[in-house]
Structures are given as structure tokens and as C-alpha cells.
C-alpha atoms as a PDB file:
ATOM      1  CA  MET A   1     -55.569-113.950 -91.090  1.00  0.00           C
ATOM      2  CA  PRO A   2     -55.132-110.279 -91.935  1.00  0.00           C
ATOM      3  CA  GLU A   3     -58.169-108.152 -91.171  1.00  0.00           C
ATOM      4  CA  SER A   4     -58.062-106.595 -94.635  1.00  0.00           C
ATOM      5  CA  ASP A   5     -58.331-110.037 -96.230  1.00  0.00           C
ATOM      6  CA  ILE A   6     -61.910-110.762 -95.225  1.00  0.00           C
ATOM      7  CA  TYR A   7     -65.194-109.029 -94.505  1.00  0.00           C
ATOM      8  CA  ARG A   8     -68.605-110.089 -93.249  1.00  0.00           C
ATOM      9  CA  THR A   9     -71.753-109.550 -95.310  1.00  0.00           C
ATOM     10  CA  ILE A  10     -75.091-111.205 -96.089  1.00  0.00           C
ATOM     11  CA  LYS A  11     -75.462-114.049 -98.567  1.00  0.00           C
ATOM     12  CA  SER A  12     -78.773-112.998-100.150  1.00  0.00           C
ATOM     13  CA  GLY A  13     -81.746-110.706 -99.722  1.00  0.00           C
ATOM     14  CA  SER A  14     -83.921-110.868 -96.607  1.00  0.00           C
ATOM     15  CA  SER A  15     -86.910-109.026 -95.187  1.00  0.00           C
ATOM     16  CA  GLY A  16     -88.386-107.932 -91.891  1.00  0.00           C
ATOM     17  CA  LEU A  17     -91.372-106.113 -90.373  1.00  0.00           C
ATOM     18  CA  TYR A  18     -92.111-103.831 -87.438  1.00  0.00           C
ATOM     19  CA  LYS A  19     -95.518-102.436 -86.431  1.00  0.00           C
ATOM     20  CA  GLU A  20     -96.153 -99.453 -84.195  1.00  0.00           C
ATOM     21  CA  LYS A  21     -99.460 -97.602 -83.582  1.00  0.00           C
ATOM     22  CA  GLY A  22    -100.919 -98.617 -86.907  1.00  0.00           C
ATOM     23  CA  SER A  23     -97.816 -97.854 -88.958  1.00  0.00           C
ATOM     24  CA  ARG A  24     -96.038-100.719 -90.694  1.00  0.00           C
ATOM     25  CA  PHE A  25     -92.315-100.606 -91.355  1.00  0.00           C
ATOM     26  CA  VAL A  26     -91.434-103.164 -94.030  1.00  0.00           C
ATOM     27  CA  SER A  27     -87.679-103.738 -94.290  1.00  0.00           C
ATOM     28  CA  ALA A  28     -85.526-105.390 -96.929  1.00  0.00           C
ATOM     29  CA  ALA A  29     -81.783-106.085 -96.825  1.00  0.00           C
ATOM     30  CA  PHE A  30     -79.689-106.720 -99.934  1.00  0.00           C
ATOM     31  CA  PRO A  31     -76.065-107.695-100.594  1.00  0.00           C
ATOM     32  CA  VAL A  32     -74.447-105.031-102.800  1.00  0.00           C
ATOM     33  CA  SER A  33     -70.909-104.434-104.012  1.00  0.00           C
ATOM     34  CA  GLU A  34     -71.108-101.090-105.823  1.00  0.00           C
ATOM     35  CA  GLU A  35     -73.021 -97.834-105.390  1.00  0.00           C
ATOM     36  CA  SER A  36     -74.254 -98.162-108.972  1.00  0.00           C
ATOM     37  CA  GLU A  37     -76.546-100.998-107.819  1.00  0.00           C
ATOM     38  CA  ILE A  38     -78.367 -98.911-105.227  1.00  0.00           C
ATOM     39  CA  LYS A  39     -80.710 -96.783-107.338  1.00  0.00           C
ATOM     40  CA  LYS A  40     -82.153 -99.739-109.244  1.00  0.00           C
ATOM     41  CA  ILE A  41     -82.943-101.620-106.032  1.00  0.00           C
ATOM     42  CA  ILE A  42     -84.573 -98.592-104.396  1.00  0.00           C
ATOM     43  CA  ASP A  43     -86.631 -97.912-107.522  1.00  0.00           C
ATOM     44  CA  GLU A  44     -87.880-101.505-107.424  1.00  0.00           C
ATOM     45  CA  ILE A  45     -88.793-101.148-103.746  1.00  0.00           C
ATOM     46  CA  ARG A  46     -90.707 -97.929-104.495  1.00  0.00           C
ATOM     47  CA  ARG A  47     -92.690 -99.730-107.196  1.00  0.00           C
ATOM     48  CA  GLU A  48     -93.370-102.748-104.993  1.00  0.00           C
ATOM     49  CA  HIS A  49     -94.468-100.606-102.035  1.00  0.00           C
ATOM     50  CA  HIS A  50     -95.965 -97.730-104.009  1.00  0.00           C
ATOM     51  CA  GLU A  51     -98.509 -96.969-101.278  1.00  0.00           C
ATOM     52  CA  ALA A  52     -95.841 -96.500 -98.611  1.00  0.00           C
ATOM     53  CA  ARG A  53     -95.235 -92.889 -97.564  1.00  0.00           C
ATOM     54  CA  HIS A  54     -91.484 -93.115 -96.961  1.00  0.00           C
ATOM     55  CA  HIS A  55     -88.638 -95.331 -98.147  1.00  0.00           C
ATOM     56  CA  CYS A  56     -85.697 -94.673 -95.845  1.00  0.00           C
ATOM     57  CA  TYR A  57     -82.445 -96.463 -96.540  1.00  0.00           C
ATOM     58  CA  ALA A  58     -78.777 -96.807 -95.678  1.00  0.00           C
ATOM     59  CA  TYR A  59     -75.850 -98.740 -97.058  1.00  0.00           C
ATOM     60  CA  LEU A  60     -72.250 -99.603 -96.276  1.00  0.00           C
ATOM     61  CA  ILE A  61     -69.846-100.690 -99.002  1.00  0.00           C
ATOM     62  CA  GLY A  62     -66.165-101.633 -98.958  1.00  0.00           C
ATOM     63  CA  ALA A  63     -63.985-103.977 -96.941  1.00  0.00           C
ATOM     64  CA  LYS A  64     -63.274-101.129 -94.513  1.00  0.00           C
ATOM     65  CA  GLN A  65     -66.852 -99.756 -94.634  1.00  0.00           C
ATOM     66  CA  GLU A  66     -65.470 -96.679 -96.388  1.00  0.00           C
ATOM     67  CA  ILE A  67     -68.510 -95.939 -98.575  1.00  0.00           C
ATOM     68  CA  TRP A  68     -71.812 -95.183 -96.866  1.00  0.00           C
ATOM     69  CA  ARG A  69     -74.974 -93.159 -97.059  1.00  0.00           C
ATOM     70  CA  ALA A  70     -78.103 -92.687 -94.965  1.00  0.00           C
ATOM     71  CA  ASN A  71     -81.320 -91.196 -96.389  1.00  0.00           C
ATOM     72  CA  ASP A  72     -84.423 -90.145 -94.407  1.00  0.00           C
ATOM     73  CA  ASP A  73     -86.708 -89.745 -97.476  1.00  0.00           C
ATOM     74  CA  GLY A  74     -88.794 -86.964 -95.943  1.00  0.00           C
ATOM     75  CA  GLU A  75     -88.841 -88.196 -92.352  1.00  0.00           C
ATOM     76  CA  PRO A  76     -87.429 -85.818 -89.695  1.00  0.00           C
ATOM     77  CA  SER A  77     -83.662 -85.539 -90.040  1.00  0.00           C
ATOM     78  CA  GLY A  78     -81.776 -88.441 -88.480  1.00  0.00           C
ATOM     79  CA  THR A  79     -84.844 -90.566 -87.713  1.00  0.00           C
ATOM     80  CA  GLY A  80     -84.732 -93.003 -90.647  1.00  0.00           C
ATOM     81  CA  GLY A  81     -81.444 -93.505 -92.460  1.00  0.00           C
ATOM     82  CA  ARG A  82     -79.125 -93.138 -89.467  1.00  0.00           C
ATOM     83  CA  PRO A  83     -80.836 -95.777 -87.294  1.00  0.00           C
ATOM     84  CA  ILE A  84     -80.765 -98.164 -90.260  1.00  0.00           C
ATOM     85  CA  LEU A  85     -77.069 -97.476 -90.837  1.00  0.00           C
ATOM     86  CA  GLY A  86     -76.434 -98.021 -87.145  1.00  0.00           C
ATOM     87  CA  GLN A  87     -77.810-101.553 -87.362  1.00  0.00           C
ATOM     88  CA  ILE A  88     -75.507-102.446 -90.267  1.00  0.00           C
ATOM     89  CA  ARG A  89     -72.532-101.132 -88.301  1.00  0.00           C
ATOM     90  CA  ALA A  90     -73.653-102.861 -85.092  1.00  0.00           C
ATOM     91  CA  ALA A  91     -73.790-106.172 -86.932  1.00  0.00           C
ATOM     92  CA  GLU A  92     -70.242-105.493 -88.238  1.00  0.00           C
ATOM     93  CA  LEU A  93     -71.362-106.015 -91.824  1.00  0.00           C
ATOM     94  CA  THR A  94     -70.495-104.330 -95.096  1.00  0.00           C
ATOM     95  CA  ASN A  95     -71.664-104.467 -98.717  1.00  0.00           C
ATOM     96  CA  VAL A  96     -75.215-104.254 -97.399  1.00  0.00           C
ATOM     97  CA  LEU A  97     -78.192-102.054 -98.332  1.00  0.00           C
ATOM     98  CA  ILE A  98     -81.305-101.851 -96.157  1.00  0.00           C
ATOM     99  CA  VAL A  99     -84.509-100.118 -97.273  1.00  0.00           C
ATOM    100  CA  VAL A 100     -87.398 -99.584 -94.847  1.00  0.00           C
ATOM    101  CA  SER A 101     -90.775 -98.638 -96.352  1.00  0.00           C
ATOM    102  CA  ARG A 102     -93.255 -96.989 -93.981  1.00  0.00           C
ATOM    103  CA  TYR A 103     -96.993 -97.339 -94.342  1.00  0.00           C
ATOM    104  CA  PHE A 104     -98.399 -94.530 -92.183  1.00  0.00           C
ATOM    105  CA  GLY A 105    -101.066 -95.631 -89.740  1.00  0.00           C
ATOM    106  CA  GLY A 106    -102.471 -92.218 -88.830  1.00  0.00           C
ATOM    107  CA  THR A 107    -100.693 -91.719 -85.517  1.00  0.00           C
ATOM    108  CA  LEU A 108     -97.510 -89.645 -85.234  1.00  0.00           C
ATOM    109  CA  LEU A 109     -94.717 -91.528 -83.496  1.00  0.00           C
ATOM    110  CA  GLY A 110     -92.428 -88.634 -82.609  1.00  0.00           C
ATOM    111  CA  VAL A 111     -88.683 -88.516 -83.130  1.00  0.00           C
ATOM    112  CA  SER A 112     -87.770 -91.219 -80.613  1.00  0.00           C
ATOM    113  CA  GLY A 113     -90.594 -93.454 -81.866  1.00  0.00           C
ATOM    114  CA  LEU A 114     -89.430 -93.159 -85.464  1.00  0.00           C
ATOM    115  CA  ILE A 115     -85.812 -93.868 -84.551  1.00  0.00           C
ATOM    116  CA  ASN A 116     -86.851 -96.992 -82.667  1.00  0.00           C
ATOM    117  CA  ALA A 117     -89.157 -98.128 -85.475  1.00  0.00           C
ATOM    118  CA  TYR A 118     -86.596 -97.791 -88.282  1.00  0.00           C
ATOM    119  CA  ARG A 119     -83.871 -99.321 -86.125  1.00  0.00           C
ATOM    120  CA  THR A 120     -86.033-102.290 -85.147  1.00  0.00           C
ATOM    121  CA  ALA A 121     -87.243-102.858 -88.711  1.00  0.00           C
ATOM    122  CA  ALA A 122     -83.646-102.864 -89.985  1.00  0.00           C
ATOM    123  CA  GLU A 123     -82.620-105.242 -87.213  1.00  0.00           C
ATOM    124  CA  SER A 124     -85.500-107.533 -88.196  1.00  0.00           C
ATOM    125  CA  ALA A 125     -84.292-107.802 -91.798  1.00  0.00           C
ATOM    126  CA  LEU A 126     -80.721-108.500 -90.707  1.00  0.00           C
ATOM    127  CA  SER A 127     -81.794-111.123 -88.167  1.00  0.00           C
ATOM    128  CA  ASN A 128     -83.429-113.033 -91.025  1.00  0.00           C
ATOM    129  CA  ALA A 129     -80.352-112.800 -93.248  1.00  0.00           C
ATOM    130  CA  GLU A 130     -77.662-115.451 -93.560  1.00  0.00           C
ATOM    131  CA  LYS A 131     -74.300-113.885 -92.700  1.00  0.00           C
ATOM    132  CA  ILE A 132     -71.171-115.016 -94.500  1.00  0.00           C
ATOM    133  CA  ASP A 133     -67.448-114.260 -94.450  1.00  0.00           C
ATOM    134  CA  HIS A 134     -66.219-113.065 -97.827  1.00  0.00           C
ATOM    135  CA  ILE A 135     -62.548-113.489 -98.706  1.00  0.00           C
ATOM    136  CA  ILE A 136     -61.198-110.616-100.794  1.00  0.00           C
ATOM    137  CA  ASN A 137     -59.608-111.789-104.037  1.00  0.00           C
ATOM    138  CA  GLU A 138     -57.445-109.994-106.565  1.00  0.00           C
ATOM    139  CA  PHE A 139     -57.658-110.793-110.277  1.00  0.00           C
ATOM    140  CA  TYR A 140     -54.712-110.636-112.684  1.00  0.00           C
ATOM    141  CA  GLU A 141     -54.040-111.474-116.286  1.00  0.00           C
ATOM    142  CA  ILE A 142     -50.702-113.222-116.819  1.00  0.00           C
ATOM    143  CA  TYR A 143     -48.816-113.574-120.131  1.00  0.00           C
ATOM    144  CA  TYR A 144     -45.885-115.914-120.713  1.00  0.00           C
ATOM    145  CA  PRO A 145     -44.183-117.929-123.485  1.00  0.00           C
ATOM    146  CA  TYR A 146     -45.215-121.561-123.894  1.00  0.00           C
ATOM    147  CA  LYS A 147     -41.745-122.752-122.886  1.00  0.00           C
ATOM    148  CA  VAL A 148     -42.333-121.771-119.227  1.00  0.00           C
ATOM    149  CA  MET A 149     -45.794-123.377-119.018  1.00  0.00           C
ATOM    150  CA  ASN A 150     -44.670-126.015-116.509  1.00  0.00           C
ATOM    151  CA  ASP A 151     -43.181-123.383-114.184  1.00  0.00           C
ATOM    152  CA  VAL A 152     -46.404-121.351-114.271  1.00  0.00           C
ATOM    153  CA  MET A 153     -48.628-124.361-113.632  1.00  0.00           C
ATOM    154  CA  LYS A 154     -46.433-125.431-110.739  1.00  0.00           C
ATOM    155  CA  VAL A 155     -47.040-122.083-108.985  1.00  0.00           C
ATOM    156  CA  ILE A 156     -50.777-122.176-109.754  1.00  0.00           C
ATOM    157  CA  LYS A 157     -51.116-125.667-108.308  1.00  0.00           C
ATOM    158  CA  GLU A 158     -48.938-125.142-105.223  1.00  0.00           C
ATOM    159  CA  GLU A 159     -50.551-121.803-104.320  1.00  0.00           C
ATOM    160  CA  ASP A 160     -54.112-122.997-105.054  1.00  0.00           C
ATOM    161  CA  ILE A 161     -54.686-120.129-107.493  1.00  0.00           C
ATOM    162  CA  GLY A 162     -58.068-119.808-109.204  1.00  0.00           C
ATOM    163  CA  GLN A 163     -58.257-119.678-113.001  1.00  0.00           C
ATOM    164  CA  SER A 164     -60.880-118.500-115.462  1.00  0.00           C
ATOM    165  CA  ALA A 165     -60.067-117.574-119.075  1.00  0.00           C
ATOM    166  CA  HIS A 166     -57.249-119.445-120.832  1.00  0.00           C
ATOM    167  CA  SER A 167     -55.474-118.963-124.138  1.00  0.00           C
ATOM    168  CA  PHE A 168     -52.556-121.275-124.960  1.00  0.00           C
ATOM    169  CA  ASP A 169     -50.473-120.457-128.029  1.00  0.00           C
ATOM    170  CA  LEU A 170     -46.927-119.226-128.646  1.00  0.00           C
ATOM    171  CA  GLU A 171     -47.835-116.687-125.976  1.00  0.00           C
ATOM    172  CA  CYS A 172     -50.110-118.024-123.270  1.00  0.00           C
ATOM    173  CA  ARG A 173     -52.664-116.009-121.324  1.00  0.00           C
ATOM    174  CA  ILE A 174     -54.565-116.903-118.149  1.00  0.00           C
ATOM    175  CA  ILE A 175     -56.812-114.849-115.898  1.00  0.00           C
ATOM    176  CA  ILE A 176     -56.077-115.851-112.322  1.00  0.00           C
ATOM    177  CA  ASN A 177     -57.336-114.905-108.877  1.00  0.00           C
ATOM    178  CA  PHE A 178     -56.038-115.350-105.360  1.00  0.00           C
ATOM    179  CA  ARG A 179     -56.725-113.976-101.915  1.00  0.00           C
ATOM    180  CA  LEU A 180     -55.406-110.543-101.119  1.00  0.00           C
ATOM    181  CA  SER A 181     -53.096-111.697 -98.327  1.00  0.00           C
ATOM    182  CA  ALA A 182     -51.221-113.988-100.759  1.00  0.00           C
ATOM    183  CA  ARG A 183     -50.403-111.220-103.251  1.00  0.00           C
ATOM    184  CA  GLU A 184     -46.789-110.579-102.273  1.00  0.00           C
ATOM    185  CA  LYS A 185     -45.841-114.259-102.194  1.00  0.00           C
ATOM    186  CA  ILE A 186     -47.587-115.219-105.451  1.00  0.00           C
ATOM    187  CA  LEU A 187     -46.487-112.227-107.512  1.00  0.00           C
ATOM    188  CA  GLY A 188     -42.978-112.727-106.165  1.00  0.00           C
ATOM    189  CA  ARG A 189     -42.943-116.290-107.487  1.00  0.00           C
ATOM    190  CA  PHE A 190     -44.334-115.231-110.861  1.00  0.00           C
ATOM    191  CA  SER A 191     -41.766-112.432-111.186  1.00  0.00           C
ATOM    192  CA  ARG A 192     -38.996-115.044-111.051  1.00  0.00           C
ATOM    193  CA  ILE A 193     -40.356-116.878-114.091  1.00  0.00           C
ATOM    194  CA  GLU A 194     -38.593-115.866-117.296  1.00  0.00           C
ATOM    195  CA  ASP A 195     -40.541-113.515-119.606  1.00  0.00           C
ATOM    196  CA  LEU A 196     -43.735-113.722-117.561  1.00  0.00           C
ATOM    197  CA  LYS A 197     -45.724-110.489-117.326  1.00  0.00           C
ATOM    198  CA  TYR A 198     -48.875-109.738-115.350  1.00  0.00           C
ATOM    199  CA  LYS A 199     -51.554-107.042-115.295  1.00  0.00           C
ATOM    200  CA  PHE A 200     -53.871-106.224-112.392  1.00  0.00           C
ATOM    201  CA  LEU A 201     -57.568-106.461-113.321  1.00  0.00           C
ATOM    202  CA  ASP A 202     -59.821-106.206-110.294  1.00  0.00           C
ATOM    203  CA  VAL A 203     -60.337-106.817-106.589  1.00  0.00           C
ATOM    204  CA  LYS A 204     -63.556-108.182-105.091  1.00  0.00           C
END
């Protein structure tokens, strides 16, 4: 199975907690697929934990972990976001956001204490999360004349191709999806069907 065909992530949101010298570090992990989702989630966390002094976070997005960010939210540089990010990487996950909200307990923890606290809180949220393998699929729209319907359906059935929207008329239209590693084989078969055309839509 090609490495680029699959990635590991979390199935749903989870939470965790770490306490140190009166401070509470409340962590929450979320599955995410786009950066546009991040702000809304963090805003919700800020509202939920409005008495917390800091909301440090980190995320990794993309099958190759190519999109990432770590934010210390006012903590000393490198003590909040980076340790959180390190836990996502250590777990070999992607498409994950972790936010850790700190309720200050009155005692300073120092740089090493903060790093350990944010790292442990992030690890706590991930340990409570269900991990899953996600197969990367590509989505296409195919167009073809009705006369080649049987040929198209034969490929769809034999290659176990997913279908969503359909429109059958003089010109037929189907939105299909299949795993990334099957692209060359499936598109090759479709290209041999007379008058069939396809358009790439999305990958996820």
C-alpha cells in the first residue's frame, strides 16, 4: 500500500487534563481537514474556558503533514505550541488540532515546567482519542453518452468505485470517487471508453 495513499488521524474530538502546582492544563484534540476550521474551534474553546489565562495550540494538516502551526498565546516562546505539536508528530498523526487552556494556579512553573505541562496535557488528549487510518480518495465527475453506459458500469463495479450524484439522459453524468493509488488504472480504463470525459473535483 503506497504511503501516500493513507494517513493516520483521530476519529472524533477528545479531551485531557494535567495539573501542576495549582495550575490546570485542560486539553482538547479535534480532527480537522482545513486551516479554515481552526479559528472557529479556538474561538469556541476561548468562550468555553474564558477564565483560562492562555490557550496554546498546534495543528498538523495534510497527508504529508505539510501544513502546521504552533502558537504559544503569550507563554514564553517555545513552551506551549511546540510541545503540543511535538506530541502530534510523535503519535504520527495528521489532520489534528490540539488546544491546551491553562488556568494559572499562582505558582510559576519555569520554562521546563511549562514545556512538560503542555506536552503532557496534549499527550493526555491524544491518549483518549480513537485513532483511525484514513484512505485518501480522489473525486471526479464523468460524462458519457448513454450508449456506453454498460461499459462505464462494468468499470465501476469491477474497480469498486464509489458513486454519489447521478444524472442519466442522452448525456450521463456521475460523480465518482476512488482511492488515490488506483487513479492510473481507473482513469486508464475510462479513457478507453468512447466519448467519455472526466473532470477532477477534489481529493480528501
